[in-house]
């Protein structure tokens, strides 16, 4: 479930809430009780962990060496080696 950040435009109270995407947005401020509570636009935070696609396919670094000049590039054509 996503985490939404809300702020009251009247008293300035700010808090994060875990809600389903289908839930109606909160409008009543839990601090002052006024109907001035609204969602804030904020960046989503996430972290890639493990040895998934980022670690193996897109992360920069050195290219493995070719075994001989007649074989195809060790990392494929156009990949991290640029097809060399």
Protein backbone atom coordinates (compact mmCIF):
# COMPACT_ATOMS: atom_id res chain seq x y z
CA UNK A 1 0.00 0.00 0.00
CA UNK A 2 1.26 3.48 -0.81
CA UNK A 3 2.22 6.06 1.77
CA UNK A 4 0.57 9.45 1.26
CA UNK A 5 1.77 12.66 2.87
CA UNK A 6 -0.85 15.17 4.03
CA UNK A 7 -0.62 18.74 5.29
CA UNK A 8 -3.17 21.08 6.83
CA UNK A 9 -3.17 24.47 5.09
CA UNK A 10 -4.64 26.12 8.20
CA UNK A 11 -2.46 24.93 11.11
CA UNK A 12 0.49 23.42 9.17
CA UNK A 13 0.16 19.93 10.70
CA UNK A 14 1.86 17.33 8.48
CA UNK A 15 1.74 13.53 8.63
CA UNK A 16 2.12 10.41 6.48
CA UNK A 17 -0.67 7.84 6.17
CA UNK A 18 -0.70 4.34 4.66
CA UNK A 19 -3.80 4.04 2.48
CA UNK A 20 -5.13 1.90 -0.33
CA UNK A 21 -5.15 3.60 -3.70
CA UNK A 22 -8.94 3.17 -3.75
CA UNK A 23 -9.42 4.94 -0.37
CA UNK A 24 -10.92 8.43 -0.40
CA UNK A 25 -8.42 11.19 0.43
CA UNK A 26 -8.43 12.51 3.99
CA UNK A 27 -9.85 16.01 4.37
CA UNK A 28 -10.24 16.60 8.12
CA UNK A 29 -7.07 17.63 9.96
CA UNK A 30 -6.51 15.39 13.02
CA UNK A 31 -4.80 18.28 14.83
CA UNK A 32 -7.19 21.23 14.40
CA UNK A 33 -10.31 19.46 13.07
CA UNK A 34 -10.76 21.76 10.06
CA UNK A 35 -11.49 20.56 6.52
CA UNK A 36 -8.18 21.93 5.20
CA UNK A 37 -6.19 18.66 5.14
CA UNK A 38 -4.89 17.72 1.68
CA UNK A 39 -2.39 15.40 -0.01
CA UNK A 40 1.05 16.72 -0.77
CA UNK A 41 2.93 15.96 -3.94
CA UNK A 42 6.11 14.14 -2.96
CA UNK A 43 8.66 11.86 -4.57
CA UNK A 44 8.21 8.14 -4.21
CA UNK A 45 11.01 6.47 -2.29
CA UNK A 46 12.25 3.01 -3.14
CA UNK A 47 15.48 1.07 -3.06
CA UNK A 48 16.69 -1.69 -5.34
CA UNK A 49 18.22 -4.57 -3.39
CA UNK A 50 19.75 -7.91 -4.26
CA UNK A 51 21.22 -9.05 -7.54
CA UNK A 52 18.28 -8.09 -9.77
CA UNK A 53 18.27 -6.47 -13.17
CA UNK A 54 19.88 -3.24 -11.97
CA UNK A 55 22.94 -4.99 -10.55
CA UNK A 56 23.42 -7.29 -13.53
CA UNK A 57 22.18 -5.38 -16.56
CA UNK A 58 22.38 -1.61 -16.14
CA UNK A 59 24.90 -0.75 -13.46
CA UNK A 60 28.09 0.81 -14.84
CA UNK A 61 31.46 -0.79 -14.50
CA UNK A 62 34.13 -2.51 -16.51
CA UNK A 63 33.29 -4.95 -19.27
CA UNK A 64 34.55 -8.54 -19.14
CA UNK A 65 37.52 -9.19 -21.44
CA UNK A 66 37.07 -11.11 -24.71
CA UNK A 67 38.75 -14.49 -24.98
CA UNK A 68 39.93 -13.93 -28.55
CA UNK A 69 39.38 -11.33 -31.28
CA UNK A 70 37.23 -13.68 -33.43
CA UNK A 71 34.55 -14.23 -30.79
CA UNK A 72 31.61 -11.93 -30.09
CA UNK A 73 31.97 -9.28 -27.41
CA UNK A 74 31.78 -10.77 -23.93
CA UNK A 75 28.91 -8.55 -22.88
CA UNK A 76 26.87 -8.64 -26.09
CA UNK A 77 26.54 -6.17 -28.91
CA UNK A 78 26.03 -2.58 -27.99
CA UNK A 79 25.94 -3.27 -24.24
CA UNK A 80 28.44 -1.87 -21.77
CA UNK A 81 31.27 -2.29 -24.30
CA UNK A 82 29.52 -0.54 -27.16
CA UNK A 83 29.90 -3.65 -29.31
CA UNK A 84 33.73 -3.74 -29.16
